[in-house]
Amino acid sequence: MIDEREMKYILQVAEELSFSQAAKKLYVSQPSLSQCIKKVEIEIGVELFDRRTSPLTLTFAGGLYIKKAKQIQTIQQDLLSQIEDLSDLKRGHLKIGTSYSRTAYLLTRILPEFRMRFPGIDISLVEGTTIELQEYAASGMTDLSFVYLPLKNEELIYEHIVDEEILLALPANHPISQKFSSQEQTIPFPKVSFAAFANEPFIVMKNKRKMREAFLTLCEKTKTHPKVILQSNSLVSAQSLVAVGVGATLVTDTLALYNKLASNPCYFSLIEPIEPRHMVAAYPKKVRLSKAADAFLQLTKEYM
């Protein structure tokens, strides 16, 4: 019989291809993790990982184990969803995948209303990057994950939530901001050219973040190279730094409209064409969305 904890450990190592990184994600010691997986390998009589390579690689048996373990997780998730549906939303558990920024500006608006409507549904939030959140949804770690297109995981389908315009955020005391200080900051935002800020200090997202890609795209389109003074994992943090005059950054119109600070930056639409961010709710193709997850999804659409 497959032990659920052992399966979880093996799946995490397969994702990280590193015992040390997997141990950090699982909040266990590396020796304990290695011992657990070695125990499984002894029991089944084959090695699951080739430890001679760096990073680790899966053996043929390891690949087979991972494939079947994911199928087991999918079956378990579907079973739990169907059982919880029998309670007609009176009780159950919902696992939502979201980014750190989205928790601050989106879920703080939606969760109180959901809790009021469905007090018997317990909610867990799993935070991560778009790529991580897709993996969480595909593996069953979340019932659905709020991510941006395109989806990298073919096991997922999605429902559209909102298209977000990419805006430039400037400190309120910036000369350009001062020109529009008397105008209410709302859609449509005043337009500026990204090229005009070639010498502006910028706060950008760290590697593998969608907004960093947008920043680099704008730099390439306008042949400009603004000075990057800070890198962050959070749009909310970047926006807060702009508000106190540290520099400029790119944000979404959703964040600009709903994440209010004591003193907000000034926001501007960009003249240069830039693809909006397409936010979706992703979940596995092979698992029926539970009533609780569907209710949360519909409520999110109401608020967007």
C-alpha atoms as a PDB file:
ATOM      1  CA  MET A   1       0.000   0.000   0.000  1.00  0.00           C
ATOM      2  CA  ILE A   2       1.261   3.488  -0.887  1.00  0.00           C
ATOM      3  CA  ASP A   3       1.731   5.711   2.134  1.00  0.00           C
ATOM      4  CA  GLU A   4       0.354   9.222   1.471  1.00  0.00           C
ATOM      5  CA  ARG A   5       3.188  10.973   3.301  1.00  0.00           C
ATOM      6  CA  GLU A   6       5.835   8.985   1.432  1.00  0.00           C
ATOM      7  CA  MET A   7       4.109   9.708  -1.866  1.00  0.00           C
ATOM      8  CA  LYS A   8       4.033  13.426  -1.066  1.00  0.00           C
ATOM      9  CA  TYR A   9       7.759  13.399  -0.267  1.00  0.00           C
ATOM     10  CA  ILE A  10       8.668  11.572  -3.481  1.00  0.00           C
ATOM     11  CA  LEU A  11       6.554  13.923  -5.603  1.00  0.00           C
ATOM     12  CA  GLN A  12       8.242  16.943  -4.024  1.00  0.00           C
ATOM     13  CA  VAL A  13      11.730  15.572  -4.715  1.00  0.00           C
ATOM     14  CA  ALA A  14      10.695  14.833  -8.293  1.00  0.00           C
ATOM     15  CA  GLU A  15       9.529  18.420  -8.678  1.00  0.00           C
ATOM     16  CA  GLU A  16      12.638  20.004  -7.161  1.00  0.00           C
ATOM     17  CA  LEU A  17      15.144  17.373  -8.404  1.00  0.00           C
ATOM     18  CA  SER A  18      17.001  18.088  -5.183  1.00  0.00           C
ATOM     19  CA  PHE A  19      16.699  16.505  -1.737  1.00  0.00           C
ATOM     20  CA  SER A  20      17.783  19.715  -0.006  1.00  0.00           C
ATOM     21  CA  GLN A  21      15.292  21.940  -1.851  1.00  0.00           C
ATOM     22  CA  ALA A  22      12.476  19.435  -1.385  1.00  0.00           C
ATOM     23  CA  ALA A  23      13.242  19.209   2.338  1.00  0.00           C
ATOM     24  CA  LYS A  24      12.924  23.004   2.634  1.00  0.00           C
ATOM     25  CA  LYS A  25       9.557  23.002   0.864  1.00  0.00           C
ATOM     26  CA  LEU A  26       8.312  20.144   3.064  1.00  0.00           C
ATOM     27  CA  TYR A  27       9.712  21.637   6.293  1.00  0.00           C
ATOM     28  CA  VAL A  28      11.572  18.429   7.156  1.00  0.00           C
ATOM     29  CA  SER A  29      15.257  17.713   7.586  1.00  0.00           C
ATOM     30  CA  GLN A  30      17.159  16.437   4.557  1.00  0.00           C
ATOM     31  CA  PRO A  31      18.353  13.259   6.355  1.00  0.00           C
ATOM     32  CA  SER A  32      14.755  12.399   7.319  1.00  0.00           C
ATOM     33  CA  LEU A  33      13.586  12.935   3.743  1.00  0.00           C
ATOM     34  CA  SER A  34      16.414  10.858   2.266  1.00  0.00           C
ATOM     35  CA  GLN A  35      15.797   8.069   4.782  1.00  0.00           C
ATOM     36  CA  CYS A  36      12.071   8.012   3.986  1.00  0.00           C
ATOM     37  CA  ILE A  37      12.643   7.714   0.238  1.00  0.00           C
ATOM     38  CA  LYS A  38      15.375   5.106   0.685  1.00  0.00           C
ATOM     39  CA  LYS A  39      12.924   3.069   2.764  1.00  0.00           C
ATOM     40  CA  VAL A  40      10.395   3.144  -0.094  1.00  0.00           C
ATOM     41  CA  GLU A  41      13.069   2.138  -2.622  1.00  0.00           C
ATOM     42  CA  ILE A  42      14.085  -0.829  -0.456  1.00  0.00           C
ATOM     43  CA  GLU A  43      10.455  -1.911  -0.092  1.00  0.00           C
ATOM     44  CA  ILE A  44       9.750  -1.852  -3.842  1.00  0.00           C
ATOM     45  CA  GLY A  45      13.180  -3.165  -4.795  1.00  0.00           C
ATOM     46  CA  VAL A  46      14.244  -0.403  -7.225  1.00  0.00           C
ATOM     47  CA  GLU A  47      15.695   3.081  -7.057  1.00  0.00           C
ATOM     48  CA  LEU A  48      13.401   5.968  -7.954  1.00  0.00           C
ATOM     49  CA  PHE A  49      16.141   8.594  -8.366  1.00  0.00           C
ATOM     50  CA  ASP A  50      19.567   8.492  -9.956  1.00  0.00           C
ATOM     51  CA  ARG A  51      21.685  10.165  -7.283  1.00  0.00           C
ATOM     52  CA  ARG A  52      24.810  10.206  -9.462  1.00  0.00           C
ATOM     53  CA  THR A  53      23.495  13.113 -11.518  1.00  0.00           C
ATOM     54  CA  SER A  54      23.167  16.762 -10.555  1.00  0.00           C
ATOM     55  CA  PRO A  55      20.397  17.714 -10.549  1.00  0.00           C
ATOM     56  CA  LEU A  56      18.770  14.397  -9.678  1.00  0.00           C
ATOM     57  CA  THR A  57      17.067  12.460 -12.470  1.00  0.00           C
ATOM     58  CA  LEU A  58      14.227   9.982 -12.304  1.00  0.00           C
ATOM     59  CA  THR A  59      14.918   6.367 -13.096  1.00  0.00           C
ATOM     60  CA  PHE A  60      12.446   4.528 -15.345  1.00  0.00           C
ATOM     61  CA  ALA A  61      10.785   3.148 -12.215  1.00  0.00           C
ATOM     62  CA  GLY A  62      10.759   6.651 -10.721  1.00  0.00           C
ATOM     63  CA  GLY A  63       8.979   8.056 -13.751  1.00  0.00           C
ATOM     64  CA  LEU A  64       6.372   5.301 -13.515  1.00  0.00           C
ATOM     65  CA  TYR A  65       5.903   5.953  -9.790  1.00  0.00           C
ATOM     66  CA  ILE A  66       5.403   9.703 -10.347  1.00  0.00           C
ATOM     67  CA  LYS A  67       2.867   9.110 -13.116  1.00  0.00           C
ATOM     68  CA  LYS A  68       0.786   6.735 -11.002  1.00  0.00           C
ATOM     69  CA  ALA A  69       1.131   8.855  -7.850  1.00  0.00           C
ATOM     70  CA  LYS A  70      -0.322  11.847  -9.681  1.00  0.00           C
ATOM     71  CA  GLN A  71      -3.203   9.680 -10.903  1.00  0.00           C
ATOM     72  CA  ILE A  72      -3.859   8.603  -7.302  1.00  0.00           C
ATOM     73  CA  GLN A  73      -3.900  12.239  -6.174  1.00  0.00           C
ATOM     74  CA  THR A  74      -6.370  13.083  -8.921  1.00  0.00           C
ATOM     75  CA  ILE A  75      -8.683  10.241  -7.891  1.00  0.00           C
ATOM     76  CA  GLN A  76      -8.461  11.285  -4.224  1.00  0.00           C
ATOM     77  CA  GLN A  77      -9.244  14.896  -5.085  1.00  0.00           C
ATOM     78  CA  ASP A  78     -12.232  13.913  -7.220  1.00  0.00           C
ATOM     79  CA  LEU A  79     -13.550  11.592  -4.488  1.00  0.00           C
ATOM     80  CA  LEU A  80     -13.303  14.301  -1.820  1.00  0.00           C
ATOM     81  CA  SER A  81     -15.002  16.821  -4.096  1.00  0.00           C
ATOM     82  CA  GLN A  82     -17.932  14.495  -4.758  1.00  0.00           C
ATOM     83  CA  ILE A  83     -18.335  13.636  -1.075  1.00  0.00           C
ATOM     84  CA  GLU A  84     -18.230  17.308  -0.072  1.00  0.00           C
ATOM     85  CA  ASP A  85     -20.811  18.130  -2.736  1.00  0.00           C
ATOM     86  CA  LEU A  86     -23.257  15.839  -0.923  1.00  0.00           C
ATOM     87  CA  SER A  87     -23.270  18.345   1.931  1.00  0.00           C
ATOM     88  CA  ASP A  88     -24.630  21.005  -0.465  1.00  0.00           C
ATOM     89  CA  LEU A  89     -21.978  23.565   0.596  1.00  0.00           C
ATOM     90  CA  LYS A  90     -22.808  23.190   4.290  1.00  0.00           C
ATOM     91  CA  ARG A  91     -19.352  21.831   4.991  1.00  0.00           C
ATOM     92  CA  GLY A  92     -16.177  21.058   3.108  1.00  0.00           C
ATOM     93  CA  HIS A  93     -12.657  22.236   2.389  1.00  0.00           C
ATOM     94  CA  LEU A  94     -11.407  24.464  -0.422  1.00  0.00           C
ATOM     95  CA  LYS A  95      -7.769  24.922  -1.449  1.00  0.00           C
ATOM     96  CA  ILE A  96      -7.070  28.080  -3.446  1.00  0.00           C
ATOM     97  CA  GLY A  97      -3.779  28.785  -5.212  1.00  0.00           C
ATOM     98  CA  THR A  98      -2.844  32.436  -5.545  1.00  0.00           C
ATOM     99  CA  SER A  99       0.109  34.799  -5.782  1.00  0.00           C
ATOM    100  CA  TYR A 100       1.262  36.799  -2.763  1.00  0.00           C
ATOM    101  CA  SER A 101       0.123  40.036  -4.411  1.00  0.00           C
ATOM    102  CA  ARG A 102      -3.275  38.657  -5.398  1.00  0.00           C
ATOM    103  CA  THR A 103      -3.940  37.622  -1.828  1.00  0.00           C
ATOM    104  CA  ALA A 104      -3.519  41.248  -0.774  1.00  0.00           C
ATOM    105  CA  TYR A 105      -5.590  43.043  -3.400  1.00  0.00           C
ATOM    106  CA  LEU A 106      -8.113  40.434  -4.578  1.00  0.00           C
ATOM    107  CA  LEU A 107      -8.802  37.786  -1.962  1.00  0.00           C
ATOM    108  CA  THR A 108      -9.110  40.321   0.841  1.00  0.00           C
ATOM    109  CA  ARG A 109     -12.253  41.473  -0.979  1.00  0.00           C
ATOM    110  CA  ILE A 110     -13.642  38.054  -1.872  1.00  0.00           C
ATOM    111  CA  LEU A 111     -12.893  35.869   1.155  1.00  0.00           C
ATOM    112  CA  PRO A 112     -15.026  37.775   3.699  1.00  0.00           C
ATOM    113  CA  GLU A 113     -18.063  37.544   1.409  1.00  0.00           C
ATOM    114  CA  PHE A 114     -17.460  33.846   0.716  1.00  0.00           C
ATOM    115  CA  ARG A 115     -17.112  33.120   4.428  1.00  0.00           C
ATOM    116  CA  MET A 116     -20.373  34.935   5.106  1.00  0.00           C
ATOM    117  CA  ARG A 117     -22.241  32.962   2.418  1.00  0.00           C
ATOM    118  CA  PHE A 118     -20.657  29.573   3.167  1.00  0.00           C
ATOM    119  CA  PRO A 119     -19.447  29.532   6.797  1.00  0.00           C
ATOM    120  CA  GLY A 120     -19.055  25.741   6.810  1.00  0.00           C
ATOM    121  CA  ILE A 121     -16.420  25.709   4.065  1.00  0.00           C
ATOM    122  CA  ASP A 122     -12.851  25.803   5.387  1.00  0.00           C
ATOM    123  CA  ILE A 123     -10.360  27.543   3.091  1.00  0.00           C
ATOM    124  CA  SER A 124      -6.632  27.024   2.671  1.00  0.00           C
ATOM    125  CA  LEU A 125      -4.478  29.398   0.634  1.00  0.00           C
ATOM    126  CA  VAL A 126      -1.418  28.099  -1.198  1.00  0.00           C
ATOM    127  CA  GLU A 127       0.785  30.916  -2.488  1.00  0.00           C
ATOM    128  CA  GLY A 128       3.443  30.786  -5.184  1.00  0.00           C
ATOM    129  CA  THR A 129       4.528  31.932  -8.646  1.00  0.00           C
ATOM    130  CA  THR A 130       2.385  31.347 -11.730  1.00  0.00           C
ATOM    131  CA  ILE A 131       4.435  28.278 -12.706  1.00  0.00           C
ATOM    132  CA  GLU A 132       4.265  26.840  -9.189  1.00  0.00           C
ATOM    133  CA  LEU A 133       0.531  27.493  -8.961  1.00  0.00           C
ATOM    134  CA  GLN A 134      -0.080  25.624 -12.206  1.00  0.00           C
ATOM    135  CA  GLU A 135       1.797  22.640 -10.807  1.00  0.00           C
ATOM    136  CA  TYR A 136      -0.195  22.829  -7.582  1.00  0.00           C
ATOM    137  CA  ALA A 137      -3.466  22.754  -9.521  1.00  0.00           C
ATOM    138  CA  ALA A 138      -2.350  19.873 -11.744  1.00  0.00           C
ATOM    139  CA  SER A 139      -1.164  17.791  -8.773  1.00  0.00           C
ATOM    140  CA  GLY A 140      -4.299  18.376  -6.702  1.00  0.00           C
ATOM    141  CA  MET A 141      -2.552  20.500  -4.101  1.00  0.00           C
ATOM    142  CA  THR A 142      -5.143  23.179  -4.942  1.00  0.00           C
ATOM    143  CA  ASP A 143      -8.735  22.868  -6.165  1.00  0.00           C
ATOM    144  CA  LEU A 144      -8.099  25.804  -8.452  1.00  0.00           C
ATOM    145  CA  SER A 145      -5.303  28.310  -8.916  1.00  0.00           C
ATOM    146  CA  PHE A 146      -5.488  31.919 -10.050  1.00  0.00           C
ATOM    147  CA  VAL A 147      -2.766  32.274 -12.681  1.00  0.00           C
ATOM    148  CA  TYR A 148      -1.939  34.136 -15.874  1.00  0.00           C
ATOM    149  CA  LEU A 149      -2.007  32.787 -19.404  1.00  0.00           C
ATOM    150  CA  PRO A 150      -0.412  31.053 -21.165  1.00  0.00           C
ATOM    151  CA  LEU A 151      -0.750  27.793 -19.277  1.00  0.00           C
ATOM    152  CA  LYS A 152       2.405  25.680 -19.400  1.00  0.00           C
ATOM    153  CA  ASN A 153       0.718  22.533 -18.078  1.00  0.00           C
ATOM    154  CA  GLU A 154      -1.373  20.556 -20.593  1.00  0.00           C
ATOM    155  CA  GLU A 155      -3.254  18.802 -17.790  1.00  0.00           C
ATOM    156  CA  LEU A 156      -5.093  22.024 -16.947  1.00  0.00           C
ATOM    157  CA  ILE A 157      -8.123  23.846 -18.282  1.00  0.00           C
ATOM    158  CA  TYR A 158      -9.238  27.297 -17.209  1.00  0.00           C
ATOM    159  CA  GLU A 159     -12.002  29.861 -16.911  1.00  0.00           C
ATOM    160  CA  HIS A 160     -11.331  33.475 -17.767  1.00  0.00           C
ATOM    161  CA  ILE A 161     -11.490  35.948 -14.861  1.00  0.00           C
ATOM    162  CA  VAL A 162     -10.266  39.334 -16.116  1.00  0.00           C
ATOM    163  CA  ASP A 163      -7.850  41.029 -18.526  1.00  0.00           C
ATOM    164  CA  GLU A 164      -5.564  43.380 -16.620  1.00  0.00           C
ATOM    165  CA  GLU A 165      -4.009  46.456 -18.199  1.00  0.00           C
ATOM    166  CA  ILE A 166      -0.365  47.086 -17.362  1.00  0.00           C
ATOM    167  CA  LEU A 167       0.154  50.566 -15.898  1.00  0.00           C
ATOM    168  CA  LEU A 168       3.116  52.712 -14.941  1.00  0.00           C
ATOM    169  CA  ALA A 169       3.134  53.764 -11.270  1.00  0.00           C
ATOM    170  CA  LEU A 170       5.025  56.936 -10.290  1.00  0.00           C
ATOM    171  CA  PRO A 171       5.524  58.645  -6.918  1.00  0.00           C
ATOM    172  CA  ALA A 172       2.937  61.356  -6.261  1.00  0.00           C
ATOM    173  CA  ASN A 173       5.691  63.992  -6.047  1.00  0.00           C
ATOM    174  CA  HIS A 174       7.138  63.116  -9.472  1.00  0.00           C
ATOM    175  CA  PRO A 175       6.959  66.072 -11.929  1.00  0.00           C
ATOM    176  CA  ILE A 176       4.762  64.074 -14.324  1.00  0.00           C
ATOM    177  CA  SER A 177       2.446  63.091 -11.468  1.00  0.00           C
ATOM    178  CA  GLN A 178       2.156  66.723 -10.395  1.00  0.00           C
ATOM    179  CA  LYS A 179       0.667  67.625 -13.774  1.00  0.00           C
ATOM    180  CA  PHE A 180      -2.246  65.285 -13.105  1.00  0.00           C
ATOM    181  CA  SER A 181      -2.539  65.748  -9.343  1.00  0.00           C
ATOM    182  CA  SER A 182      -5.981  67.328  -9.613  1.00  0.00           C
ATOM    183  CA  GLN A 183      -7.417  64.413 -11.592  1.00  0.00           C
ATOM    184  CA  GLU A 184      -9.072  61.446  -9.908  1.00  0.00           C
ATOM    185  CA  GLN A 185      -7.056  58.292 -10.395  1.00  0.00           C
ATOM    186  CA  THR A 186      -9.488  56.024 -12.189  1.00  0.00           C
ATOM    187  CA  ILE A 187     -10.088  54.470 -15.595  1.00  0.00           C
ATOM    188  CA  PRO A 188      -9.220  55.804 -18.123  1.00  0.00           C
ATOM    189  CA  PHE A 189      -5.831  56.700 -16.695  1.00  0.00           C
ATOM    190  CA  PRO A 190      -3.800  59.507 -18.329  1.00  0.00           C
ATOM    191  CA  LYS A 191      -1.415  58.272 -21.015  1.00  0.00           C
ATOM    192  CA  VAL A 192       2.361  58.554 -21.026  1.00  0.00           C
ATOM    193  CA  SER A 193       5.166  56.994 -23.048  1.00  0.00           C
ATOM    194  CA  PHE A 194       7.447  54.472 -21.383  1.00  0.00           C
ATOM    195  CA  ALA A 195      10.260  55.910 -23.506  1.00  0.00           C
ATOM    196  CA  ALA A 196      10.032  59.155 -21.527  1.00  0.00           C
ATOM    197  CA  PHE A 197      11.301  57.380 -18.410  1.00  0.00           C
ATOM    198  CA  ALA A 198      14.615  56.096 -19.754  1.00  0.00           C
ATOM    199  CA  ASN A 199      16.488  57.661 -16.815  1.00  0.00           C
ATOM    200  CA  GLU A 200      13.924  56.789 -14.165  1.00  0.00           C
ATOM    201  CA  PRO A 201      14.940  54.451 -11.293  1.00  0.00           C
ATOM    202  CA  PHE A 202      12.722  51.352 -11.487  1.00  0.00           C
ATOM    203  CA  ILE A 203      11.588  48.649  -9.098  1.00  0.00           C
ATOM    204  CA  VAL A 204      11.089  45.425 -11.064  1.00  0.00           C
ATOM    205  CA  MET A 205       9.965  41.913 -10.308  1.00  0.00           C
ATOM    206  CA  LYS A 206      12.495  39.122  -9.871  1.00  0.00           C
ATOM    207  CA  ASN A 207      13.246  36.495 -12.516  1.00  0.00           C
ATOM    208  CA  LYS A 208      10.453  34.281 -13.874  1.00  0.00           C
ATOM    209  CA  ARG A 209       7.767  36.838 -12.985  1.00  0.00           C
ATOM    210  CA  LYS A 210       5.342  37.964 -15.699  1.00  0.00           C
ATOM    211  CA  MET A 211       5.661  41.646 -14.869  1.00  0.00           C
ATOM    212  CA  ARG A 212       9.421  41.450 -15.263  1.00  0.00           C
ATOM    213  CA  GLU A 213       8.855  40.112 -18.787  1.00  0.00           C
ATOM    214  CA  ALA A 214       6.548  43.070 -19.472  1.00  0.00           C
ATOM    215  CA  PHE A 215       9.232  45.497 -18.243  1.00  0.00           C
ATOM    216  CA  LEU A 216      11.880  43.930 -20.488  1.00  0.00           C
ATOM    217  CA  THR A 217       9.483  43.949 -23.451  1.00  0.00           C
ATOM    218  CA  LEU A 218       8.849  47.673 -23.007  1.00  0.00           C
ATOM    219  CA  CYS A 219      12.591  48.332 -22.718  1.00  0.00           C
ATOM    220  CA  GLU A 220      13.164  46.465 -25.968  1.00  0.00           C
ATOM    221  CA  LYS A 221      10.299  48.212 -27.796  1.00  0.00           C
ATOM    222  CA  THR A 222      11.441  51.690 -26.750  1.00  0.00           C
ATOM    223  CA  LYS A 223      15.204  51.008 -26.919  1.00  0.00           C
ATOM    224  CA  THR A 224      15.558  52.329 -23.385  1.00  0.00           C
ATOM    225  CA  HIS A 225      17.450  50.983 -20.368  1.00  0.00           C
ATOM    226  CA  PRO A 226      16.040  52.423 -17.124  1.00  0.00           C
ATOM    227  CA  LYS A 227      18.135  51.854 -14.013  1.00  0.00           C
ATOM    228  CA  VAL A 228      16.890  48.944 -11.936  1.00  0.00           C
ATOM    229  CA  ILE A 229      17.414  49.863  -8.295  1.00  0.00           C
ATOM    230  CA  LEU A 230      15.404  47.112  -6.586  1.00  0.00           C
ATOM    231  CA  GLN A 231      13.954  43.699  -7.390  1.00  0.00           C
ATOM    232  CA  SER A 232      10.910  42.323  -5.593  1.00  0.00           C
ATOM    233  CA  ASN A 233       8.728  39.226  -5.480  1.00  0.00           C
ATOM    234  CA  SER A 234       5.588  41.260  -4.831  1.00  0.00           C
ATOM    235  CA  LEU A 235       3.723  43.880  -6.847  1.00  0.00           C
ATOM    236  CA  VAL A 236       2.151  45.076  -3.607  1.00  0.00           C
ATOM    237  CA  SER A 237       5.584  45.682  -2.073  1.00  0.00           C
ATOM    238  CA  ALA A 238       6.803  47.400  -5.246  1.00  0.00           C
ATOM    239  CA  GLN A 239       3.743  49.664  -5.277  1.00  0.00           C
ATOM    240  CA  SER A 240       4.296  50.569  -1.612  1.00  0.00           C
ATOM    241  CA  LEU A 241       7.888  51.548  -2.383  1.00  0.00           C
ATOM    242  CA  VAL A 242       6.719  53.743  -5.243  1.00  0.00           C
ATOM    243  CA  ALA A 243       4.248  55.423  -2.890  1.00  0.00           C
ATOM    244  CA  VAL A 244       7.100  56.576  -0.621  1.00  0.00           C
ATOM    245  CA  GLY A 245       9.150  57.883  -3.549  1.00  0.00           C
ATOM    246  CA  VAL A 246      11.737  55.138  -4.054  1.00  0.00           C
ATOM    247  CA  GLY A 247      11.184  54.791  -7.811  1.00  0.00           C
ATOM    248  CA  ALA A 248       8.752  53.768 -10.547  1.00  0.00           C
ATOM    249  CA  THR A 249       7.277  50.356 -11.287  1.00  0.00           C
ATOM    250  CA  LEU A 250       4.736  48.518 -13.424  1.00  0.00           C
ATOM    251  CA  VAL A 251       1.470  47.372 -11.857  1.00  0.00           C
ATOM    252  CA  THR A 252      -1.895  46.082 -13.042  1.00  0.00           C
ATOM    253  CA  ASP A 253      -5.015  48.232 -13.192  1.00  0.00           C
ATOM    254  CA  THR A 254      -6.676  45.789 -10.773  1.00  0.00           C
ATOM    255  CA  LEU A 255      -3.995  46.438  -8.180  1.00  0.00           C
ATOM    256  CA  ALA A 256      -4.165  50.191  -8.791  1.00  0.00           C
ATOM    257  CA  LEU A 257      -7.936  50.294  -8.328  1.00  0.00           C
ATOM    258  CA  TYR A 258      -8.382  47.954  -5.375  1.00  0.00           C
ATOM    259  CA  ASN A 259      -5.202  47.907  -3.282  1.00  0.00           C
ATOM    260  CA  LYS A 260      -5.510  51.298  -1.589  1.00  0.00           C
ATOM    261  CA  LEU A 261      -2.601  52.711   0.381  1.00  0.00           C
ATOM    262  CA  ALA A 262      -2.525  55.601   2.838  1.00  0.00           C
ATOM    263  CA  SER A 263      -0.791  57.565   0.088  1.00  0.00           C
ATOM    264  CA  ASN A 264      -1.170  56.111  -3.397  1.00  0.00           C
ATOM    265  CA  PRO A 265       1.211  56.478  -6.346  1.00  0.00           C
ATOM    266  CA  CYS A 266      -0.068  58.048  -9.553  1.00  0.00           C
ATOM    267  CA  TYR A 267      -0.975  55.604 -12.312  1.00  0.00           C
ATOM    268  CA  PHE A 268      -0.634  55.991 -16.062  1.00  0.00           C
ATOM    269  CA  SER A 269      -1.635  54.003 -19.118  1.00  0.00           C
ATOM    270  CA  LEU A 270       1.168  53.409 -21.591  1.00  0.00           C
ATOM    271  CA  ILE A 271       1.137  54.649 -25.170  1.00  0.00           C
ATOM    272  CA  GLU A 272       3.285  51.722 -26.248  1.00  0.00           C
ATOM    273  CA  PRO A 273       1.185  48.622 -27.034  1.00  0.00           C
ATOM    274  CA  ILE A 274       1.707  45.936 -24.406  1.00  0.00           C
ATOM    275  CA  GLU A 275      -0.250  42.702 -24.048  1.00  0.00           C
ATOM    276  CA  PRO A 276      -2.610  42.766 -21.041  1.00  0.00           C
ATOM    277  CA  ARG A 277      -2.313  40.078 -18.400  1.00  0.00           C
ATOM    278  CA  HIS A 278      -5.031  37.455 -18.764  1.00  0.00           C
ATOM    279  CA  MET A 279      -5.992  36.190 -15.311  1.00  0.00           C
ATOM    280  CA  VAL A 280      -7.713  32.795 -15.236  1.00  0.00           C
ATOM    281  CA  ALA A 281      -8.729  30.138 -12.738  1.00  0.00           C
ATOM    282  CA  ALA A 282      -6.969  26.894 -13.678  1.00  0.00           C
ATOM    283  CA  TYR A 283      -7.906  23.381 -12.589  1.00  0.00           C
ATOM    284  CA  PRO A 284      -7.299  19.806 -13.822  1.00  0.00           C
ATOM    285  CA  LYS A 285      -9.114  18.524 -16.913  1.00  0.00           C
ATOM    286  CA  LYS A 286      -9.766  15.151 -15.335  1.00  0.00           C
ATOM    287  CA  VAL A 287     -11.266  16.404 -12.066  1.00  0.00           C
ATOM    288  CA  ARG A 288     -14.772  17.801 -11.809  1.00  0.00           C
ATOM    289  CA  LEU A 289     -14.792  21.201 -10.147  1.00  0.00           C
ATOM    290  CA  SER A 290     -16.438  20.887  -6.726  1.00  0.00           C
ATOM    291  CA  LYS A 291     -19.478  22.958  -5.793  1.00  0.00           C
ATOM    292  CA  ALA A 292     -17.370  24.904  -3.309  1.00  0.00           C
ATOM    293  CA  ALA A 293     -14.706  25.681  -5.909  1.00  0.00           C
ATOM    294  CA  ASP A 294     -17.327  26.653  -8.467  1.00  0.00           C
ATOM    295  CA  ALA A 295     -19.061  28.930  -5.932  1.00  0.00           C
ATOM    296  CA  PHE A 296     -15.744  30.636  -5.181  1.00  0.00           C
ATOM    297  CA  LEU A 297     -15.065  31.010  -8.896  1.00  0.00           C
ATOM    298  CA  GLN A 298     -18.451  32.591  -9.591  1.00  0.00           C
ATOM    299  CA  LEU A 299     -18.045  34.981  -6.650  1.00  0.00           C
ATOM    300  CA  THR A 300     -14.639  36.031  -7.974  1.00  0.00           C
ATOM    301  CA  LYS A 301     -16.208  36.852 -11.346  1.00  0.00           C
ATOM    302  CA  GLU A 302     -18.833  38.960  -9.578  1.00  0.00           C
ATOM    303  CA  TYR A 303     -16.134  41.032  -7.897  1.00  0.00           C
ATOM    304  CA  MET A 304     -14.060  41.484 -11.049  1.00  0.00           C
END
